[in-house]
Protein backbone atom coordinates (compact mmCIF):
# COMPACT_ATOMS: atom_id res chain seq x y z
CA MET A 1 121.77 99.62 106.76
CA ASN A 2 120.94 102.55 104.53
CA ALA A 3 118.91 104.39 107.16
CA PRO A 4 119.13 107.30 109.59
CA LEU A 5 120.40 106.45 113.06
CA ASN A 6 118.09 108.97 114.69
CA PRO A 7 114.56 110.19 113.96
CA MET A 8 114.53 113.12 111.57
CA PRO A 9 114.29 116.48 113.41
CA PRO A 10 111.09 118.53 113.33
CA GLN A 11 110.86 120.59 110.16
CA HIS A 12 108.04 122.98 111.06
CA ALA A 13 108.28 123.43 114.83
CA HIS A 14 109.25 127.12 114.57
CA ARG A 15 107.05 128.07 111.62
CA SER A 16 103.72 129.85 111.88
CA ILE A 17 100.44 128.28 110.85
CA GLY A 18 100.10 130.91 108.15
CA ALA A 19 103.49 130.10 106.60
CA ILE A 20 102.68 126.39 106.62
CA LEU A 21 99.31 126.92 104.92
CA VAL A 22 100.80 129.20 102.28
CA ASP A 23 103.68 126.83 101.51
CA ALA A 24 101.24 123.93 101.24
CA GLY A 25 99.13 125.84 98.74
CA ARG A 26 96.14 125.94 101.08
CA MET A 27 96.14 129.73 101.33
CA SER A 28 97.37 132.55 99.13
CA ILE A 29 99.73 135.23 100.39
CA GLU A 30 97.00 137.82 99.85
CA ASP A 31 94.55 135.86 101.99
CA ALA A 32 97.21 135.37 104.67
CA GLU A 33 97.60 139.15 104.84
CA ARG A 34 93.83 139.53 105.32
CA VAL A 35 93.96 137.02 108.15
CA LEU A 36 96.89 138.79 109.80
CA LYS A 37 94.98 142.08 109.69
CA LEU A 38 91.91 140.56 111.34
CA GLN A 39 94.09 138.72 113.82
CA HIS A 40 95.66 142.01 114.90
CA GLU A 41 92.37 143.95 115.01
CA ALA A 42 90.34 141.31 116.89
CA GLY A 43 93.09 139.76 118.99
CA LEU A 44 92.44 136.28 117.56
CA ARG A 45 94.64 133.31 116.87
CA PHE A 46 95.63 132.98 113.22
CA GLY A 47 93.53 129.86 112.74
CA ASP A 48 90.45 131.41 114.35
CA ALA A 49 90.81 134.52 112.21
CA ALA A 50 91.21 132.48 109.04
CA GLN A 51 88.12 130.43 109.83
CA ARG A 52 86.10 133.57 110.62
CA LEU A 53 86.99 134.81 107.13
CA LYS A 54 86.03 131.35 105.78
CA LEU A 55 89.40 130.98 104.11
CA VAL A 56 90.20 127.60 105.69
CA ASN A 57 88.34 124.68 107.22
CA ASP A 58 89.02 122.40 110.19
CA GLU A 59 91.03 120.02 108.00
CA ASP A 60 93.38 122.84 106.98
CA ILE A 61 93.98 123.81 110.60
CA ASP A 62 94.55 120.19 111.60
CA PHE A 63 97.10 119.92 108.80
CA ALA A 64 99.00 123.01 109.94
CA LEU A 65 99.02 121.97 113.60
CA ALA A 66 100.22 118.49 112.64
CA SER A 67 103.08 120.08 110.71
CA GLN A 68 104.02 122.29 113.64
CA PHE A 69 104.18 119.29 115.96
CA ASP A 70 106.12 117.20 113.43
CA TYR A 71 103.23 114.77 112.97
CA THR A 72 103.54 113.25 109.50
CA TYR A 73 100.43 114.16 107.54
CA LEU A 74 100.06 114.16 103.74
CA SER A 75 97.66 116.15 101.58
CA PRO A 76 95.59 114.18 99.03
CA GLY A 77 96.87 114.65 95.52
CA ARG A 78 100.21 116.03 96.69
CA SER A 79 102.06 112.75 97.23
CA ALA A 80 102.63 109.55 95.27
CA VAL A 81 101.84 107.51 98.38
CA ASP A 82 98.65 105.52 97.74
CA ALA A 83 95.41 106.84 99.25
CA SER A 84 94.83 103.51 101.02
CA VAL A 85 97.61 104.48 103.44
CA VAL A 86 95.04 106.34 105.53
CA ALA A 87 97.39 106.80 108.49
CA ALA A 88 99.34 109.26 106.33
CA TYR A 89 96.34 111.09 104.85
CA SER A 90 93.58 110.94 107.49
CA PRO A 91 95.30 110.74 110.89
CA PHE A 92 92.17 111.91 112.72
CA SER A 93 89.78 109.37 111.21
CA PRO A 94 88.14 106.55 113.23
CA ALA A 95 90.15 103.93 111.31
CA VAL A 96 93.44 105.56 112.27
CA GLU A 97 92.28 105.98 115.85
CA ARG A 98 91.89 102.20 115.99
CA LEU A 99 95.39 101.85 114.54
CA ARG A 100 96.72 104.04 117.35
CA ALA A 101 95.00 101.78 119.88
CA LEU A 102 96.63 98.74 118.27
CA ARG A 103 100.00 100.50 118.27
CA SER A 104 99.66 101.22 121.97
CA GLN A 105 98.76 97.61 122.72
CA LEU A 106 101.73 96.35 120.73
CA MET A 107 104.10 98.74 122.50
CA LEU A 108 102.81 97.58 125.88
CA ARG A 109 103.83 94.10 124.77
CA GLY A 110 107.32 95.34 123.96
CA VAL A 111 106.97 95.66 120.17
CA GLY A 112 109.04 98.52 118.82
CA GLY A 113 109.91 99.77 122.28
CA GLY A 114 107.66 100.76 125.13
CA GLY A 115 106.17 98.95 128.09
CA GLU A 116 108.21 97.32 130.82
CA HIS A 117 110.13 95.30 128.23
CA LYS A 118 111.20 98.25 126.12
CA GLY A 119 112.85 97.23 122.86
CA LEU A 120 112.19 93.53 123.43
CA ALA A 121 110.88 92.89 119.94
CA LYS A 122 112.38 94.51 116.86
CA GLY A 123 110.48 92.44 114.30
CA LEU A 124 106.74 92.05 113.70
CA ALA A 125 105.20 89.78 111.07
CA VAL A 126 101.64 90.44 109.86
CA LEU A 127 99.87 87.17 108.95
CA SER A 128 96.48 85.96 107.79
CA THR A 129 95.03 82.84 106.24
CA ARG A 130 93.59 84.20 102.99
CA ARG A 131 94.26 86.77 100.30
CA GLY A 132 92.19 89.90 100.73
CA ASP A 133 92.15 89.74 104.53
CA GLY A 134 93.94 93.09 104.81
CA ARG A 135 97.49 92.11 105.75
CA THR A 136 99.18 94.59 103.44
CA TRP A 137 96.84 97.41 104.47
CA LEU A 138 97.54 96.77 108.14
CA ALA A 139 101.31 96.42 107.69
CA ALA A 140 101.53 99.65 105.67
CA ASN A 141 99.34 101.75 107.95
CA LEU A 142 100.82 100.36 111.15
CA ALA A 143 104.30 101.23 109.88
CA VAL A 144 103.22 104.84 109.29
CA ALA A 145 101.53 104.97 112.70
CA PHE A 146 104.79 103.99 114.40
CA THR A 147 106.77 106.64 112.50
CA GLN A 148 104.30 109.25 113.72
CA ILE A 149 105.59 108.79 117.27
CA GLY A 150 109.21 109.20 116.17
CA GLN A 151 110.06 105.55 115.56
CA ARG A 152 112.37 104.52 112.73
CA VAL A 153 110.55 101.79 110.83
CA LEU A 154 111.62 99.41 108.09
CA LEU A 155 108.66 97.94 106.20
CA VAL A 156 109.60 94.71 104.41
CA ASP A 157 107.54 93.10 101.66
CA ALA A 158 108.12 89.40 102.36
CA ASP A 159 105.44 88.37 99.87
CA MET A 160 107.91 87.66 97.11
CA ARG A 161 105.23 86.01 94.99
CA ASN A 162 102.79 88.92 94.94
CA GLY A 163 104.45 91.99 96.43
CA ARG A 164 102.42 95.20 96.64
CA LEU A 165 104.14 97.55 99.05
CA HIS A 166 106.24 99.20 96.34
CA ARG A 167 103.04 100.38 94.67
CA LEU A 168 101.58 101.75 97.89
CA PHE A 169 104.67 103.84 98.64
CA ALA A 170 105.79 104.59 95.07
CA VAL A 171 109.24 103.03 95.41
CA GLU A 172 111.16 100.94 92.88
CA ASP A 173 110.90 97.17 92.84
CA LYS A 174 113.92 96.29 90.72
CA LEU A 175 116.02 95.36 93.75
CA GLY A 176 114.29 94.05 96.83
CA LEU A 177 114.15 91.30 99.42
CA SER A 178 114.64 88.49 96.91
CA SER A 179 117.82 90.07 95.55
CA LEU A 180 119.13 90.76 99.05
CA LEU A 181 118.52 87.19 100.24
CA ALA A 182 120.13 85.83 97.09
CA GLY A 183 123.26 87.87 97.83
CA ARG A 184 122.93 89.95 94.68
CA VAL A 185 122.53 93.28 96.47
CA GLY A 186 123.12 94.84 99.88
CA SER A 187 121.41 97.42 102.03
CA ASP A 188 121.10 99.79 99.06
CA ALA A 189 117.91 97.88 98.24
CA ILE A 190 116.28 99.64 101.19
CA GLN A 191 114.56 102.86 100.10
CA ARG A 192 113.46 105.82 102.17
CA VAL A 193 109.94 107.13 101.64
CA THR A 194 110.76 110.81 101.29
CA ASP A 195 107.24 112.04 102.08
CA LEU A 196 107.13 110.04 105.32
CA PRO A 197 110.15 110.77 107.54
CA GLY A 198 111.26 107.77 109.53
CA LEU A 199 109.88 105.18 107.10
CA SER A 200 111.98 102.98 104.81
CA VAL A 201 110.73 100.20 102.55
CA LEU A 202 112.35 97.01 101.31
CA SER A 203 110.23 95.85 98.38
CA ALA A 204 109.73 92.21 97.43
CA GLY A 205 111.92 92.44 94.34
CA ALA A 206 111.91 90.08 91.38
CA ARG A 207 109.82 86.97 91.88
CA PRO A 208 112.21 84.09 92.64
CA PRO A 209 111.53 80.40 91.96
CA ASN A 210 112.30 79.50 95.61
CA PRO A 211 110.85 82.07 98.04
CA GLN A 212 110.56 79.71 101.00
CA GLU A 213 114.12 78.49 100.62
CA LEU A 214 115.40 82.07 100.45
CA LEU A 215 113.55 82.90 103.66
CA SER A 216 115.25 79.97 105.38
CA ARG A 217 118.75 81.18 104.58
CA SER A 218 121.00 82.76 107.18
CA ARG A 219 120.91 86.04 105.23
CA PHE A 220 117.37 86.61 106.50
CA GLU A 221 118.62 86.38 110.09
CA GLU A 222 121.46 88.71 109.21
CA LEU A 223 118.99 91.20 107.69
CA LEU A 224 116.98 91.41 110.90
CA ALA A 225 120.07 91.57 113.08
CA ARG A 226 121.50 94.48 111.08
CA ALA A 227 118.16 96.23 110.85
CA ALA A 228 117.80 96.06 114.64
CA SER A 229 120.71 98.46 115.00
CA ALA A 230 119.36 100.99 112.51
CA PHE A 231 115.60 100.80 113.08
CA ASP A 232 113.27 100.73 116.06
CA LEU A 233 110.94 98.28 114.37
CA VAL A 234 110.88 96.03 111.30
CA ILE A 235 107.39 95.14 110.04
CA PHE A 236 106.96 92.27 107.59
CA ASP A 237 104.07 91.84 105.18
CA THR A 238 103.62 88.15 104.29
CA PRO A 239 101.79 85.96 101.78
CA ALA A 240 98.54 84.22 102.73
CA VAL A 241 99.14 81.10 104.80
CA ASP A 242 96.46 79.17 102.89
CA ASP A 243 98.56 79.56 99.75
CA PHE A 244 102.13 79.20 101.03
CA ALA A 245 104.03 78.46 104.23
CA ASP A 246 106.40 81.42 103.75
CA ALA A 247 104.71 83.42 106.51
CA TYR A 248 105.75 80.95 109.19
CA ALA A 249 109.41 81.33 108.23
CA VAL A 250 109.03 85.11 108.40
CA ALA A 251 107.31 84.95 111.80
CA ARG A 252 110.06 82.71 113.16
CA HIS A 253 112.75 85.23 112.20
CA ALA A 254 110.70 88.28 113.24
CA GLY A 255 110.02 86.83 116.67
CA THR A 256 106.54 88.33 117.07
CA ALA A 257 103.39 88.21 114.97
CA VAL A 258 99.97 89.81 114.70
CA LEU A 259 97.11 88.00 112.96
CA VAL A 260 94.50 89.55 110.65
CA ALA A 261 91.02 88.08 110.23
CA ARG A 262 88.29 89.40 107.96
CA LYS A 263 84.84 89.78 109.47
CA ASN A 264 82.26 87.27 108.14
CA VAL A 265 84.90 85.72 105.88
CA SER A 266 87.72 84.21 107.94
CA ARG A 267 87.00 80.87 109.57
CA ALA A 268 87.56 80.55 113.30
CA ARG A 269 89.15 77.11 112.91
CA ALA A 270 91.62 78.43 110.32
CA ILE A 271 92.59 81.36 112.55
CA ALA A 272 93.09 79.03 115.51
CA SER A 273 95.30 76.80 113.34
CA LEU A 274 97.31 79.83 112.22
CA ALA A 275 97.82 80.91 115.84
CA GLU A 276 99.05 77.43 116.73
CA GLY A 277 101.41 77.42 113.77
CA VAL A 278 102.91 80.76 114.81
CA GLN A 279 103.60 79.44 118.30
CA GLU A 280 105.01 76.17 116.97
CA VAL A 281 107.73 78.00 115.02
CA GLY A 282 108.73 79.83 118.19
CA ALA A 283 107.21 83.25 117.48
CA SER A 284 105.23 85.17 120.06
CA LEU A 285 101.64 86.01 119.12
CA VAL A 286 101.12 89.59 120.33
CA GLY A 287 97.75 90.47 118.83
CA ALA A 288 94.89 89.82 116.45
CA VAL A 289 92.93 92.26 114.32
CA VAL A 290 89.46 91.87 112.81
CA ASN A 291 89.19 93.67 109.49
CA GLU A 292 85.63 94.89 109.00
CA ARG A 293 86.20 96.22 105.47
């Protein structure tokens, strides 16, 4: 697999908050010198001195601290990653806090390592019954959340009829899952997201005439087996089950699945049927999420 064998090392662990803020364009060199002077005179921390001078706000300090502790955190307007990937842009927001809680619950169930069954599940399929339920949003943000604790994650767009992940992470979609399963390309179809260390994406690729048949081929099993040696977790986005049965094939190969339901929209009977279908194909249902958006 075209992926690092170890998490990328911290880039900012030994750099000062001032240097990080200047390099990020959040503070000028002249202002940094003013802060350093006040810091020396008043015996303050750099961040406290900068805030006393009203040169930075809490968000700036959070950004610098996140950089120091190697916690992936992007600045709006400074990355091609879509703003809907809130785990990368707003890691301290309530929505991302709920993602962290979900991540913890999944790890306790052995997904991506953690819990008493560490490393039990390497694959996780995200399923829902309808379009617009929030599958892609959850898959994308959950992938980022796992990289933020040092996990190596491969995010696969298994919705070969209506793939969207390449747009969220600004990667190419010329070669993707469809080409890989058809034997037309190898692991070079996997692309690193340079702004998010630890994250790689396999886009959906060209729309094939036979997505379900491609997903049933042995190459899909080979993909997951090879990815298991290079990544800590492989997350699959899937098409809506109401439209196609592709998601069941993905869940069977992934081994574990999490369901997404949309508040006041998803039908309880349909969700129950989806849960039964996941179990019937031999996948383990490890969680369910209610999307309130």
